[in-house]
Amino acid sequence: MGSKVAFEKCLKKNGLKIASAATQLVGKEIEAAATDLQEAKAGLARQSYKWSTIQSYYAMFHLARALLYAKGYREKSHYCLRVALEALYVEDGDLPVHIVDAFQVAKELRENADYEAHFSESGARKLVSAAEDFFLYVARSERTP
């Protein structure tokens, strides 16, 4: 299903909501992402790969929310957050699809680390790198205040 169709379904099922006041929260989300990214890097330095994996995901999650908030929406599910990124940014060529794909992989690795105690150094390093790429994109973006 196309991302625009999935986006409309998320709106109908309240997985996404129009929230014009959300634009005021963009800066807060970027700050949260920066903190989580710093913690993920510190986790790598301490060889705390589970923590680094989890914090990398949350850095990306907060960045995704910042982009969504910048468009005047709020999410109620992680699935709909991804759908919104695809519909609002990727389809318009404003966000490289590899960033959204990395966000999905990060979600899966975070769940594995959290719920199954399955994580690795290589996975943590890949996620930190992906979170850095996402952060740089948002920092360069003119779409966020």
Protein backbone atom coordinates (compact mmCIF):
# COMPACT_ATOMS: atom_id res chain seq x y z
CA MET A 1 0.00 0.00 0.00
CA GLY A 2 1.26 3.46 -0.84
CA SER A 3 2.39 5.68 1.99
CA LYS A 4 -0.31 8.29 1.26
CA VAL A 5 -3.03 5.62 1.61
CA ALA A 6 -1.42 4.29 4.80
CA PHE A 7 -1.13 7.88 6.07
CA GLU A 8 -4.87 8.44 5.54
CA LYS A 9 -5.64 5.16 7.34
CA CYS A 10 -3.49 6.25 10.28
CA LEU A 11 -5.42 9.53 10.43
CA LYS A 12 -8.79 7.73 10.32
CA LYS A 13 -7.78 5.26 13.03
CA ASN A 14 -6.26 8.03 15.21
CA GLY A 15 -2.73 6.69 14.86
CA LEU A 16 -1.94 10.22 13.68
CA LYS A 17 -3.64 13.42 14.73
CA ILE A 18 -3.58 16.94 13.38
CA ALA A 19 -2.03 19.10 16.08
CA SER A 20 -0.96 22.53 14.87
CA ALA A 21 0.42 23.35 18.34
CA ALA A 22 2.87 20.46 17.91
CA THR A 23 5.13 22.80 15.93
CA GLN A 24 6.06 24.38 19.27
CA LEU A 25 7.51 21.03 20.42
CA VAL A 26 10.04 20.60 17.61
CA GLY A 27 12.94 22.12 19.55
CA LYS A 28 12.21 19.99 22.62
CA GLU A 29 12.29 16.83 20.49
CA ILE A 30 15.59 17.80 18.87
CA GLU A 31 17.09 18.45 22.32
CA ALA A 32 15.87 15.04 23.52
CA ALA A 33 17.41 13.45 20.43
CA ALA A 34 20.74 15.17 21.06
CA THR A 35 20.79 13.92 24.65
CA ASP A 36 19.91 10.38 23.59
CA LEU A 37 22.58 10.42 20.89
CA GLN A 38 25.20 11.56 23.41
CA GLU A 39 24.14 8.74 25.74
CA ALA A 40 24.31 6.22 22.89
CA LYS A 41 27.87 7.29 22.11
CA ALA A 42 28.81 7.13 25.79
CA GLY A 43 27.33 3.63 25.90
CA LEU A 44 29.62 2.59 23.07
CA ALA A 45 32.62 3.96 24.93
CA ARG A 46 31.60 1.95 28.04
CA GLN A 47 30.91 -1.15 25.93
CA SER A 48 27.29 -0.95 27.07
CA TYR A 49 25.89 -2.12 23.76
CA LYS A 50 22.36 -2.77 24.95
CA TRP A 51 22.05 0.76 26.30
CA SER A 52 23.67 2.23 23.21
CA THR A 53 21.21 0.35 20.98
CA ILE A 54 18.22 1.57 22.98
CA GLN A 55 19.41 5.18 23.15
CA SER A 56 20.22 5.25 19.43
CA TYR A 57 16.66 4.20 18.66
CA TYR A 58 15.23 6.88 20.93
CA ALA A 59 17.45 9.53 19.36
CA MET A 60 15.96 8.57 15.99
CA PHE A 61 12.45 8.41 17.46
CA HIS A 62 12.71 11.98 18.78
CA LEU A 63 14.09 13.19 15.44
CA ALA A 64 11.20 11.53 13.61
CA ARG A 65 8.76 13.20 16.00
CA ALA A 66 10.42 16.57 15.42
CA LEU A 67 9.85 16.22 11.68
CA LEU A 68 6.25 15.13 12.22
CA TYR A 69 5.60 17.98 14.65
CA ALA A 70 7.08 20.43 12.14
CA LYS A 71 4.26 19.41 9.78
CA GLY A 72 1.59 19.90 12.48
CA TYR A 73 0.89 16.25 13.37
CA ARG A 74 1.28 14.02 16.42
CA GLU A 75 1.64 10.26 16.37
CA LYS A 76 -0.08 7.66 18.51
CA SER A 77 1.87 4.67 17.20
CA HIS A 78 5.39 3.91 16.08
CA TYR A 79 4.01 2.38 12.87
CA CYS A 80 2.12 5.56 11.98
CA LEU A 81 5.19 7.66 12.75
CA ARG A 82 7.10 5.77 10.06
CA VAL A 83 4.16 6.02 7.66
CA ALA A 84 4.02 9.78 8.23
CA LEU A 85 7.74 10.19 7.50
CA GLU A 86 7.31 8.34 4.23
CA ALA A 87 4.20 10.26 3.19
CA LEU A 88 5.27 13.73 4.32
CA TYR A 89 9.00 13.64 3.55
CA VAL A 90 10.22 10.67 1.52
CA GLU A 91 7.59 10.84 -1.23
CA ASP A 92 8.36 14.53 -1.71
CA GLY A 93 12.09 13.83 -1.91
CA ASP A 94 12.78 15.74 1.30
CA LEU A 95 14.10 12.78 3.30
CA PRO A 96 16.29 9.95 2.00
CA VAL A 97 14.49 6.62 2.26
CA HIS A 98 17.58 5.02 3.83
CA ILE A 99 17.01 7.15 6.96
CA VAL A 100 13.46 5.84 7.35
CA ASP A 101 14.66 2.29 6.69
CA ALA A 102 17.37 2.71 9.35
CA PHE A 103 14.70 3.99 11.76
CA GLN A 104 12.72 0.77 11.20
CA VAL A 105 15.82 -1.38 11.76
CA ALA A 106 16.56 0.63 14.91
CA LYS A 107 13.07 -0.10 16.23
CA GLU A 108 13.57 -3.82 15.68
CA LEU A 109 17.03 -3.85 17.28
CA ARG A 110 15.75 -1.80 20.23
CA GLU A 111 12.93 -4.30 20.77
CA ASN A 112 15.40 -7.19 20.58
CA ALA A 113 17.68 -5.50 23.10
CA ASP A 114 14.84 -4.54 25.44
CA TYR A 115 12.66 -7.64 25.35
CA GLU A 116 15.01 -10.47 24.42
CA ALA A 117 18.38 -9.23 25.74
CA HIS A 118 19.73 -9.74 22.21
CA PHE A 119 22.18 -7.04 21.10
CA SER A 120 25.69 -6.68 19.73
CA GLU A 121 28.56 -4.27 19.41
CA SER A 122 28.19 -4.15 15.63
CA GLY A 123 24.46 -3.46 15.88
CA ALA A 124 25.03 -0.70 18.41
CA ARG A 125 27.72 0.91 16.25
CA LYS A 126 25.49 0.80 13.16
CA LEU A 127 22.63 2.42 15.05
CA VAL A 128 24.79 5.18 16.48
CA SER A 129 26.00 5.94 12.96
CA ALA A 130 22.43 5.91 11.61
CA ALA A 131 21.25 8.19 14.43
CA GLU A 132 24.12 10.59 13.65
CA ASP A 133 23.10 10.65 9.98
CA PHE A 134 19.49 11.34 10.91
CA PHE A 135 20.55 14.08 13.33
CA LEU A 136 22.70 15.75 10.68
CA TYR A 137 19.80 15.67 8.24
CA VAL A 138 17.47 17.34 10.74
CA ALA A 139 20.12 19.87 11.77
CA ARG A 140 20.61 20.88 8.11
CA SER A 141 16.90 20.87 7.38
CA GLU A 142 15.08 24.12 6.89
CA ARG A 143 11.86 22.37 7.85
CA THR A 144 12.53 22.49 11.57
CA PRO A 145 12.96 25.65 13.63
